[in-house]
Every structure is written in C-alpha cells, then in structure tokens.
Amino acid sequence: MDYEFDDDPGRIDVDEVWDFLSRHAYWGRWRSRDDVERQVRGAWRVVGCYTDARLVGFCRAVSDGVGLAYLADVFVLAEHRGHGLGKKLAHVMVEDGPGRDFRWLLHTADAHGLYEQLGFVAPDHTLLERPHASARS
C-alpha cells in the first residue's frame, strides 16, 4: 500500500480524528468534539498520513513558532499499523518541517521507544509540569 504524508491543514478529516480520539485514544477521550476541532484547527502544524485519499494517521503540534513545540495526538488507524507510519508521522512533524531545531515536548504512556528514536529523552531537573485538572483532584 502506498502512503502519503502531507502537512496541509485543509486535508485533515476532523471527523476521522474525532472518531479515533474519542473511541480509541486513552489520552483523548475526555475531550468533546468541539474541543478536538478547535485543537486541530488551531494547531501550529498538522501532519496527515493518507492512502487512497483517506486519512489513516495524524499528528499535530502546538508551538510558539520560534523555539518550542509540543507534539500531540499521534495515531495510526489499527488496520494500518505495523508499517512504521507512526514513526514516519512524528519524523515528518519534528525533522522535516519548520520546527526542526526546536525544543520538542510530548507526553506518552506507552511509546517511549518510538520517540527515543527521534531524540526524545526524559526531562531534566529544569522542567516542571502542572497536570491537567483531572489529575490534580
């Protein structure tokens, strides 16, 4: 199967993104459809993975556009996994775009090995985080 990667925000199928995040992503189920649409439309950059013009993978980034970016919502539909598409999505976002030299951050519960291949490491003592409200209760 041939796959195409594209950072054109106009091609992103927000319905497909919403469907995946609301049903399959442990990190995304708390968001409403409106939240996801705002996040996709307001992203600094998005990258989609397509086959036969259908969105089968996605990631987005939030950034100041100068030196810092946050990688979010990286996913590949189950039937397209096993082809390195998640790694390629993250690579296109981090290495092949305007944020190549930025400091990148992300959260993951289960893909540390994938992101380590792209140079991500555990944060040092200078990084602090204020958790989401649901984690502070």
N, C-alpha and C. Protein backbone atom coordinates (compact mmCIF):
# COMPACT_ATOMS: atom_id res chain seq x y z
N MET A 1 0.85 -1.18 0.00
CA MET A 1 0.00 0.00 0.00
C MET A 1 0.89 1.24 0.00
N ASP A 2 0.52 2.23 -0.77
CA ASP A 2 1.26 3.48 -0.82
C ASP A 2 0.69 4.47 0.19
N TYR A 3 1.58 5.16 0.90
CA TYR A 3 1.17 6.15 1.89
C TYR A 3 1.78 7.49 1.53
N GLU A 4 1.01 8.53 1.76
CA GLU A 4 1.44 9.90 1.51
C GLU A 4 1.35 10.68 2.82
N PHE A 5 2.34 11.51 3.07
CA PHE A 5 2.35 12.37 4.26
C PHE A 5 2.24 13.81 3.79
N ASP A 6 1.36 14.57 4.44
CA ASP A 6 1.09 15.93 3.99
C ASP A 6 0.78 16.81 5.19
N ASP A 7 1.30 18.03 5.18
CA ASP A 7 1.02 18.96 6.28
C ASP A 7 0.01 20.04 5.90
N ASP A 8 -0.79 19.79 4.90
CA ASP A 8 -1.85 20.71 4.50
C ASP A 8 -3.02 20.58 5.48
N PRO A 9 -3.29 21.61 6.29
CA PRO A 9 -4.38 21.50 7.27
C PRO A 9 -5.75 21.33 6.62
N GLY A 10 -5.90 21.78 5.39
CA GLY A 10 -7.18 21.64 4.69
C GLY A 10 -7.55 20.21 4.34
N ARG A 11 -6.57 19.32 4.35
CA ARG A 11 -6.84 17.92 4.03
C ARG A 11 -7.26 17.09 5.24
N ILE A 12 -7.05 17.60 6.43
CA ILE A 12 -7.33 16.81 7.64
C ILE A 12 -8.82 16.54 7.76
N ASP A 13 -9.16 15.29 7.91
CA ASP A 13 -10.54 14.86 8.12
C ASP A 13 -10.81 14.87 9.62
N VAL A 14 -11.36 15.98 10.11
CA VAL A 14 -11.59 16.14 11.54
C VAL A 14 -12.54 15.07 12.07
N ASP A 15 -13.47 14.61 11.28
CA ASP A 15 -14.36 13.53 11.71
C ASP A 15 -13.57 12.26 12.02
N GLU A 16 -12.59 11.94 11.18
CA GLU A 16 -11.76 10.76 11.41
C GLU A 16 -10.91 10.94 12.67
N VAL A 17 -10.35 12.14 12.85
CA VAL A 17 -9.56 12.43 14.04
C VAL A 17 -10.43 12.29 15.28
N TRP A 18 -11.60 12.88 15.26
CA TRP A 18 -12.52 12.80 16.39
C TRP A 18 -12.90 11.36 16.68
N ASP A 19 -13.22 10.61 15.65
CA ASP A 19 -13.60 9.21 15.85
C ASP A 19 -12.50 8.45 16.56
N PHE A 20 -11.27 8.59 16.11
CA PHE A 20 -10.18 7.86 16.75
C PHE A 20 -9.97 8.33 18.18
N LEU A 21 -9.83 9.64 18.37
CA LEU A 21 -9.53 10.16 19.71
C LEU A 21 -10.63 9.85 20.71
N SER A 22 -11.87 9.89 20.29
CA SER A 22 -12.98 9.68 21.23
C SER A 22 -13.23 8.21 21.54
N ARG A 23 -12.77 7.31 20.67
CA ARG A 23 -13.06 5.89 20.89
C ARG A 23 -11.84 5.03 21.19
N HIS A 24 -10.66 5.46 20.73
CA HIS A 24 -9.50 4.58 20.82
C HIS A 24 -8.30 5.13 21.58
N ALA A 25 -8.24 6.42 21.81
CA ALA A 25 -7.06 7.03 22.41
C ALA A 25 -7.25 7.21 23.91
N TYR A 26 -6.43 6.52 24.70
CA TYR A 26 -6.52 6.67 26.16
C TYR A 26 -6.32 8.12 26.58
N TRP A 27 -5.60 8.89 25.79
CA TRP A 27 -5.29 10.27 26.15
C TRP A 27 -6.32 11.28 25.65
N GLY A 28 -7.27 10.87 24.84
CA GLY A 28 -8.14 11.85 24.21
C GLY A 28 -9.61 11.76 24.54
N ARG A 29 -10.02 10.78 25.30
CA ARG A 29 -11.46 10.54 25.49
C ARG A 29 -12.17 11.62 26.31
N TRP A 30 -11.47 12.41 27.04
CA TRP A 30 -12.10 13.44 27.88
C TRP A 30 -12.54 14.66 27.07
N ARG A 31 -12.04 14.79 25.84
CA ARG A 31 -12.34 15.98 25.04
C ARG A 31 -13.67 15.84 24.29
N SER A 32 -14.32 16.97 24.10
CA SER A 32 -15.54 16.98 23.30
C SER A 32 -15.18 17.10 21.82
N ARG A 33 -16.16 16.88 20.97
CA ARG A 33 -15.96 17.03 19.52
C ARG A 33 -15.52 18.46 19.21
N ASP A 34 -16.13 19.44 19.86
CA ASP A 34 -15.76 20.84 19.65
C ASP A 34 -14.31 21.10 20.09
N ASP A 35 -13.90 20.49 21.21
CA ASP A 35 -12.52 20.64 21.68
C ASP A 35 -11.54 20.14 20.63
N VAL A 36 -11.80 18.95 20.09
CA VAL A 36 -10.91 18.36 19.10
C VAL A 36 -10.85 19.23 17.84
N GLU A 37 -11.99 19.69 17.39
CA GLU A 37 -12.00 20.54 16.21
C GLU A 37 -11.19 21.81 16.44
N ARG A 38 -11.35 22.44 17.60
CA ARG A 38 -10.58 23.65 17.92
C ARG A 38 -9.09 23.35 17.97
N GLN A 39 -8.74 22.20 18.55
CA GLN A 39 -7.32 21.84 18.64
C GLN A 39 -6.71 21.59 17.26
N VAL A 40 -7.44 20.93 16.41
CA VAL A 40 -6.93 20.65 15.06
C VAL A 40 -6.83 21.95 14.27
N ARG A 41 -7.86 22.75 14.29
CA ARG A 41 -7.87 23.99 13.51
C ARG A 41 -6.90 25.03 14.06
N GLY A 42 -6.65 24.99 15.36
CA GLY A 42 -5.75 25.95 15.97
C GLY A 42 -4.31 25.48 16.09
N ALA A 43 -4.01 24.29 15.59
CA ALA A 43 -2.66 23.73 15.70
C ALA A 43 -1.66 24.59 14.94
N TRP A 44 -0.46 24.64 15.43
CA TRP A 44 0.63 25.31 14.72
C TRP A 44 0.93 24.56 13.42
N ARG A 45 0.89 23.23 13.50
CA ARG A 45 1.14 22.40 12.32
C ARG A 45 0.43 21.06 12.52
N VAL A 46 -0.07 20.50 11.46
CA VAL A 46 -0.66 19.16 11.46
C VAL A 46 0.00 18.36 10.34
N VAL A 47 0.08 17.06 10.55
CA VAL A 47 0.57 16.16 9.50
C VAL A 47 -0.41 15.00 9.42
N GLY A 48 -0.85 14.71 8.22
CA GLY A 48 -1.72 13.58 7.99
C GLY A 48 -1.01 12.52 7.17
N CYS A 49 -1.40 11.28 7.38
CA CYS A 49 -0.93 10.16 6.57
C CYS A 49 -2.15 9.65 5.81
N TYR A 50 -2.00 9.50 4.50
CA TYR A 50 -3.13 9.17 3.65
C TYR A 50 -2.81 7.97 2.77
N THR A 51 -3.84 7.19 2.49
CA THR A 51 -3.78 6.19 1.44
C THR A 51 -5.11 6.26 0.71
N ASP A 52 -5.06 6.27 -0.59
CA ASP A 52 -6.26 6.42 -1.41
C ASP A 52 -7.09 7.62 -0.95
N ALA A 53 -6.42 8.71 -0.60
CA ALA A 53 -7.02 9.98 -0.16
C ALA A 53 -7.72 9.89 1.19
N ARG A 54 -7.62 8.77 1.89
CA ARG A 54 -8.24 8.61 3.21
C ARG A 54 -7.20 8.84 4.30
N LEU A 55 -7.57 9.63 5.32
CA LEU A 55 -6.70 9.87 6.46
C LEU A 55 -6.60 8.59 7.29
N VAL A 56 -5.38 8.07 7.44
CA VAL A 56 -5.17 6.85 8.23
C VAL A 56 -4.20 7.08 9.39
N GLY A 57 -3.62 8.27 9.46
CA GLY A 57 -2.72 8.64 10.54
C GLY A 57 -2.69 10.14 10.69
N PHE A 58 -2.32 10.59 11.89
CA PHE A 58 -2.42 12.01 12.18
C PHE A 58 -1.49 12.38 13.33
N CYS A 59 -1.01 13.61 13.32
CA CYS A 59 -0.41 14.23 14.49
C CYS A 59 -0.52 15.74 14.36
N ARG A 60 -0.42 16.40 15.49
CA ARG A 60 -0.49 17.86 15.49
C ARG A 60 0.55 18.39 16.45
N ALA A 61 0.87 19.67 16.30
CA ALA A 61 1.82 20.32 17.19
C ALA A 61 1.29 21.69 17.58
N VAL A 62 1.62 22.07 18.79
CA VAL A 62 1.37 23.40 19.32
C VAL A 62 2.75 24.02 19.49
N SER A 63 2.91 25.28 19.09
CA SER A 63 4.24 25.89 19.16
C SER A 63 4.16 27.40 19.26
N ASP A 64 5.26 27.98 19.74
CA ASP A 64 5.40 29.44 19.69
C ASP A 64 5.98 29.86 18.34
N GLY A 65 6.33 28.89 17.50
CA GLY A 65 6.85 29.18 16.17
C GLY A 65 8.28 29.67 16.15
N VAL A 66 8.94 29.68 17.30
CA VAL A 66 10.30 30.20 17.38
C VAL A 66 11.28 29.17 17.95
N GLY A 67 10.92 28.53 19.05
CA GLY A 67 11.89 27.63 19.67
C GLY A 67 11.34 26.49 20.48
N LEU A 68 10.01 26.40 20.63
CA LEU A 68 9.42 25.37 21.48
C LEU A 68 8.17 24.81 20.81
N ALA A 69 8.03 23.49 20.86
CA ALA A 69 6.84 22.85 20.28
C ALA A 69 6.44 21.65 21.13
N TYR A 70 5.17 21.33 21.06
CA TYR A 70 4.61 20.19 21.78
C TYR A 70 3.95 19.27 20.75
N LEU A 71 4.36 18.02 20.72
CA LEU A 71 3.81 17.03 19.80
C LEU A 71 2.63 16.35 20.47
N ALA A 72 1.51 16.26 19.74
CA ALA A 72 0.29 15.72 20.35
C ALA A 72 -0.51 14.87 19.37
N ASP A 73 -1.33 14.00 19.94
CA ASP A 73 -2.35 13.25 19.21
C ASP A 73 -1.79 12.45 18.03
N VAL A 74 -0.66 11.80 18.23
CA VAL A 74 -0.09 10.96 17.18
C VAL A 74 -0.84 9.63 17.17
N PHE A 75 -1.41 9.29 16.01
CA PHE A 75 -2.08 7.99 15.91
C PHE A 75 -2.08 7.48 14.48
N VAL A 76 -2.21 6.16 14.39
CA VAL A 76 -2.38 5.46 13.12
C VAL A 76 -3.54 4.49 13.32
N LEU A 77 -4.47 4.47 12.39
CA LEU A 77 -5.59 3.54 12.49
C LEU A 77 -5.07 2.11 12.56
N ALA A 78 -5.75 1.28 13.35
CA ALA A 78 -5.30 -0.07 13.66
C ALA A 78 -4.97 -0.89 12.41
N GLU A 79 -5.77 -0.78 11.40
CA GLU A 79 -5.55 -1.61 10.20
C GLU A 79 -4.34 -1.17 9.37
N HIS A 80 -3.71 -0.06 9.75
CA HIS A 80 -2.54 0.42 9.02
C HIS A 80 -1.27 0.41 9.88
N ARG A 81 -1.35 -0.16 11.06
CA ARG A 81 -0.17 -0.24 11.93
C ARG A 81 0.77 -1.34 11.44
N GLY A 82 1.99 -1.25 11.90
CA GLY A 82 2.98 -2.24 11.53
C GLY A 82 3.79 -1.89 10.29
N HIS A 83 3.60 -0.68 9.77
CA HIS A 83 4.33 -0.23 8.58
C HIS A 83 5.25 0.95 8.89
N GLY A 84 5.45 1.27 10.17
CA GLY A 84 6.31 2.38 10.54
C GLY A 84 5.69 3.76 10.35
N LEU A 85 4.36 3.80 10.20
CA LEU A 85 3.70 5.07 9.90
C LEU A 85 3.72 6.04 11.08
N GLY A 86 3.59 5.54 12.30
CA GLY A 86 3.64 6.42 13.47
C GLY A 86 5.00 7.10 13.58
N LYS A 87 6.04 6.32 13.39
CA LYS A 87 7.39 6.88 13.43
C LYS A 87 7.58 7.90 12.30
N LYS A 88 7.08 7.58 11.12
CA LYS A 88 7.21 8.49 9.99
C LYS A 88 6.41 9.79 10.22
N LEU A 89 5.20 9.67 10.78
CA LEU A 89 4.42 10.87 11.11
C LEU A 89 5.20 11.79 12.04
N ALA A 90 5.73 11.22 13.12
CA ALA A 90 6.48 12.02 14.08
C ALA A 90 7.74 12.60 13.43
N HIS A 91 8.40 11.82 12.59
CA HIS A 91 9.60 12.30 11.90
C HIS A 91 9.27 13.48 10.98
N VAL A 92 8.21 13.35 10.20
CA VAL A 92 7.81 14.44 9.31
C VAL A 92 7.51 15.70 10.12
N MET A 93 6.83 15.54 11.25
CA MET A 93 6.50 16.69 12.08
C MET A 93 7.74 17.34 12.67
N VAL A 94 8.60 16.52 13.28
CA VAL A 94 9.73 17.05 14.05
C VAL A 94 10.93 17.39 13.17
N GLU A 95 11.27 16.53 12.24
CA GLU A 95 12.50 16.68 11.48
C GLU A 95 12.34 17.36 10.11
N ASP A 96 11.17 17.23 9.51
CA ASP A 96 11.01 17.70 8.13
C ASP A 96 10.21 18.99 8.01
N GLY A 97 10.17 19.76 9.06
CA GLY A 97 9.37 20.98 8.99
C GLY A 97 10.09 22.15 9.61
N PRO A 98 9.37 23.22 9.80
CA PRO A 98 9.97 24.45 10.30
C PRO A 98 10.43 24.37 11.76
N GLY A 99 10.08 23.32 12.47
CA GLY A 99 10.48 23.19 13.88
C GLY A 99 11.66 22.27 14.10
N ARG A 100 12.38 21.97 13.07
CA ARG A 100 13.48 21.01 13.15
C ARG A 100 14.46 21.30 14.30
N ASP A 101 14.74 22.56 14.57
CA ASP A 101 15.72 22.90 15.61
C ASP A 101 15.09 23.30 16.94
N PHE A 102 13.80 23.12 17.07
CA PHE A 102 13.09 23.49 18.30
C PHE A 102 13.37 22.51 19.44
N ARG A 103 13.04 22.92 20.63
CA ARG A 103 12.93 22.01 21.77
C ARG A 103 11.52 21.44 21.69
N TRP A 104 11.42 20.12 21.63
CA TRP A 104 10.12 19.43 21.50
C TRP A 104 9.77 18.72 22.80
N LEU A 105 8.49 18.78 23.15
CA LEU A 105 7.96 18.09 24.31
C LEU A 105 6.82 17.19 23.89
N LEU A 106 6.53 16.17 24.68
CA LEU A 106 5.36 15.33 24.46
C LEU A 106 5.09 14.53 25.71
N HIS A 107 3.90 13.97 25.76
CA HIS A 107 3.53 13.01 26.81
C HIS A 107 3.19 11.69 26.13
N THR A 108 3.60 10.60 26.72
CA THR A 108 3.21 9.28 26.25
C THR A 108 3.26 8.29 27.41
N ALA A 109 2.33 7.38 27.41
CA ALA A 109 2.33 6.33 28.43
C ALA A 109 2.91 5.03 27.90
N ASP A 110 3.02 4.91 26.57
CA ASP A 110 3.38 3.60 26.03
C ASP A 110 4.25 3.61 24.78
N ALA A 111 4.79 4.74 24.38
CA ALA A 111 5.57 4.77 23.14
C ALA A 111 6.95 5.41 23.34
N HIS A 112 7.53 5.23 24.50
CA HIS A 112 8.83 5.84 24.79
C HIS A 112 9.89 5.41 23.77
N GLY A 113 9.91 4.13 23.43
CA GLY A 113 10.90 3.62 22.48
C GLY A 113 10.81 4.28 21.12
N LEU A 114 9.60 4.50 20.66
CA LEU A 114 9.39 5.17 19.38
C LEU A 114 9.99 6.57 19.40
N TYR A 115 9.66 7.34 20.42
CA TYR A 115 10.10 8.73 20.47
C TYR A 115 11.58 8.86 20.79
N GLU A 116 12.16 7.90 21.52
CA GLU A 116 13.59 7.91 21.77
C GLU A 116 14.36 7.81 20.45
N GLN A 117 13.81 7.11 19.47
CA GLN A 117 14.45 7.00 18.15
C GLN A 117 14.52 8.35 17.44
N LEU A 118 13.68 9.28 17.87
CA LEU A 118 13.67 10.63 17.28
C LEU A 118 14.39 11.65 18.16
N GLY A 119 15.09 11.17 19.18
CA GLY A 119 15.88 12.05 20.03
C GLY A 119 15.20 12.53 21.29
N PHE A 120 13.99 12.10 21.57
CA PHE A 120 13.32 12.49 22.81
C PHE A 120 13.95 11.75 23.98
N VAL A 121 14.12 12.45 25.09
CA VAL A 121 14.68 11.87 26.31
C VAL A 121 13.83 12.32 27.50
N ALA A 122 14.02 11.66 28.63
CA ALA A 122 13.33 12.07 29.85
C ALA A 122 13.77 13.50 30.21
N PRO A 123 12.86 14.30 30.74
CA PRO A 123 13.21 15.69 31.05
C PRO A 123 14.24 15.78 32.17
N ASP A 124 14.98 16.88 32.16
CA ASP A 124 15.94 17.10 33.22
C ASP A 124 15.27 17.84 34.38
N HIS A 125 16.04 18.19 35.37
CA HIS A 125 15.52 18.80 36.59
C HIS A 125 14.94 20.19 36.38
N THR A 126 15.12 20.79 35.22
CA THR A 126 14.62 22.15 34.99
C THR A 126 13.17 22.19 34.53
N LEU A 127 12.61 21.06 34.18
CA LEU A 127 11.24 21.03 33.66
C LEU A 127 10.23 20.74 34.77
N LEU A 128 9.24 21.58 34.88
CA LEU A 128 8.12 21.37 35.79
C LEU A 128 6.85 21.28 34.97
N GLU A 129 5.87 20.60 35.49
CA GLU A 129 4.60 20.43 34.79
C GLU A 129 3.46 20.62 35.78
N ARG A 130 2.45 21.32 35.34
CA ARG A 130 1.21 21.41 36.10
C ARG A 130 0.22 20.47 35.42
N PRO A 131 -0.12 19.35 36.06
CA PRO A 131 -1.00 18.36 35.43
C PRO A 131 -2.40 18.90 35.13
N HIS A 132 -3.06 18.21 34.22
CA HIS A 132 -4.44 18.51 33.88
C HIS A 132 -5.29 18.48 35.15
N ALA A 133 -6.34 19.24 35.19
CA ALA A 133 -7.20 19.35 36.38
C ALA A 133 -7.69 17.98 36.87
N SER A 134 -7.96 17.07 35.97
CA SER A 134 -8.46 15.75 36.38
C SER A 134 -7.41 14.98 37.18
N ALA A 135 -6.15 15.27 37.01
CA ALA A 135 -5.08 14.59 37.74
C ALA A 135 -4.76 15.26 39.06
N ARG A 136 -5.27 16.47 39.28
CA ARG A 136 -4.97 17.22 40.49
C ARG A 136 -6.00 17.00 41.59
N SER A 137 -7.07 16.30 41.30
CA SER A 137 -8.13 16.17 42.31
C SER A 137 -7.82 15.18 43.39
